[in-house]
Amino acid sequence: MSTTTITISTHVLDTSLGRPAEGIPATLEHVDAEGVPTLVAWGTTNPDGRIPALIPTTYELVPGTYRLCFDVAPYFAASRRQSLFVEICIAFEVTSEPQHYHVPLLLSPFGYSTYRGS
């Protein structure tokens, strides 16, 4: 299995402003059977709210649990907006089937949602 068969991507949209959320640091972790996370990748959202090339080409994605964590506190602080959230983590399961996992974050100061994108 290689990174060309299983891929993971994300983007962040600020639904309260109706635009992509730029400048949000995020990490992707693989969580083992004992619940111990290992850092896979990190990046910061660009002006389009995306992290291009999130997965390093040297990393082989394997089936299991992954967690995307977004450090949203600095994003809200930069625009002087109060927010309930400091960090938002989304855990999801990757199967052995070759497929793309797009995990978007729809964000506002007092709520968020996510879904399986395409």
Protein backbone atom coordinates (compact mmCIF):
# COMPACT_ATOMS: atom_id res chain seq x y z
CA MET A 1 0.00 0.00 0.00
CA SER A 2 1.36 3.45 -0.84
CA THR A 3 0.36 7.07 -0.47
CA THR A 4 -1.10 6.92 -3.99
CA THR A 5 -3.78 4.43 -2.88
CA ILE A 6 -4.86 6.02 0.41
CA THR A 7 -4.80 9.81 0.72
CA ILE A 8 -5.97 12.31 3.33
CA SER A 9 -6.73 15.98 2.80
CA THR A 10 -8.52 18.75 4.66
CA HIS A 11 -9.67 22.33 4.44
CA VAL A 12 -11.20 24.78 6.89
CA LEU A 13 -14.07 27.15 6.14
CA ASP A 14 -15.10 29.90 8.54
CA THR A 15 -18.87 29.70 8.22
CA SER A 16 -19.39 32.82 10.36
CA LEU A 17 -17.49 34.89 7.79
CA GLY A 18 -18.39 32.86 4.71
CA ARG A 19 -14.80 32.31 3.59
CA PRO A 20 -11.79 29.99 3.94
CA ALA A 21 -9.93 30.11 7.24
CA GLU A 22 -6.28 31.03 6.62
CA GLY A 23 -3.46 30.53 9.11
CA ILE A 24 -4.77 27.63 11.20
CA PRO A 25 -2.03 25.20 12.28
CA ALA A 26 -3.03 21.55 12.09
CA THR A 27 -1.49 18.17 12.84
CA LEU A 28 -2.31 14.71 11.55
CA GLU A 29 -1.62 11.81 13.90
CA HIS A 30 -1.88 8.04 13.53
CA VAL A 31 -3.30 6.47 16.71
CA ASP A 32 -2.11 2.94 17.47
CA ALA A 33 -4.14 0.11 19.05
CA GLU A 34 -3.12 1.28 22.55
CA GLY A 35 -4.33 4.81 21.85
CA VAL A 36 -0.85 6.30 21.48
CA PRO A 37 -0.67 8.99 18.77
CA THR A 38 2.28 9.37 16.40
CA LEU A 39 2.72 12.59 14.46
CA VAL A 40 2.38 12.00 10.71
CA ALA A 41 2.23 15.55 9.34
CA TRP A 42 1.61 19.17 10.16
CA GLY A 43 0.90 22.32 8.27
CA THR A 44 -0.97 25.61 8.24
CA THR A 45 -4.00 26.47 6.15
CA ASN A 46 -3.31 28.67 3.15
CA PRO A 47 -5.53 31.54 1.83
CA ASP A 48 -7.85 28.89 0.35
CA GLY A 49 -8.18 27.22 3.79
CA ARG A 50 -6.26 24.15 2.59
CA ILE A 51 -3.00 22.48 3.53
CA PRO A 52 -1.42 21.45 0.23
CA ALA A 53 0.58 18.21 0.31
CA LEU A 54 -0.51 17.38 3.85
CA ILE A 55 1.03 13.89 3.78
CA PRO A 56 4.81 13.70 3.30
CA THR A 57 5.71 11.65 0.23
CA THR A 58 7.93 9.49 2.43
CA TYR A 59 5.04 8.45 4.71
CA GLU A 60 3.09 5.29 3.90
CA LEU A 61 -0.50 5.54 5.09
CA VAL A 62 -1.72 2.37 6.76
CA PRO A 63 -5.24 1.42 7.87
CA GLY A 64 -6.22 2.52 11.36
CA THR A 65 -7.35 5.50 13.37
CA TYR A 66 -6.12 8.98 12.46
CA ARG A 67 -6.71 12.28 14.17
CA LEU A 68 -6.67 15.77 12.63
CA CYS A 69 -6.19 18.49 15.25
CA PHE A 70 -6.66 22.16 14.47
CA ASP A 71 -5.20 24.85 16.76
CA VAL A 72 -7.98 27.42 16.33
CA ALA A 73 -7.30 29.74 19.29
CA PRO A 74 -4.69 31.88 17.46
CA TYR A 75 -7.00 32.18 14.44
CA PHE A 76 -9.81 33.70 16.49
CA ALA A 77 -7.41 35.81 18.58
CA ALA A 78 -5.91 37.33 15.42
CA SER A 79 -9.32 38.69 14.44
CA ARG A 80 -10.17 39.65 18.04
CA ARG A 81 -13.12 37.29 18.12
CA GLN A 82 -14.11 35.35 21.21
CA SER A 83 -14.40 31.59 20.70
CA LEU A 84 -15.36 28.63 22.82
CA PHE A 85 -12.76 26.41 21.15
CA VAL A 86 -9.01 26.28 21.63
CA GLU A 87 -8.35 23.09 19.67
CA ILE A 88 -10.61 20.90 17.56
CA CYS A 89 -9.64 17.26 16.97
CA ILE A 90 -11.41 14.98 14.52
CA ALA A 91 -10.74 11.25 14.83
CA PHE A 92 -11.59 8.99 11.90
CA GLU A 93 -10.96 5.46 10.66
CA VAL A 94 -8.97 4.64 7.52
CA THR A 95 -9.69 1.25 5.95
CA SER A 96 -7.45 -0.86 3.76
CA GLU A 97 -9.41 0.02 0.63
CA PRO A 98 -7.64 2.41 -1.74
CA GLN A 99 -9.56 5.67 -1.35
CA HIS A 100 -9.31 9.36 -0.61
CA TYR A 101 -10.32 10.74 2.79
CA HIS A 102 -11.22 14.42 2.67
CA VAL A 103 -12.01 15.71 6.17
CA PRO A 104 -13.17 19.33 6.09
CA LEU A 105 -13.81 21.51 9.12
CA LEU A 106 -16.65 24.03 9.05
CA LEU A 107 -15.83 26.47 11.80
CA SER A 108 -17.48 29.32 13.70
CA PRO A 109 -16.63 30.81 17.09
CA PHE A 110 -19.19 28.72 18.98
CA GLY A 111 -19.74 25.67 16.80
CA TYR A 112 -18.16 23.41 14.24
CA SER A 113 -19.02 20.47 12.03
CA THR A 114 -17.27 18.06 9.75
CA TYR A 115 -18.19 15.47 7.17
CA ARG A 116 -16.69 12.98 4.75
CA GLY A 117 -15.88 15.09 1.73
CA SER A 118 -14.77 14.11 -1.74
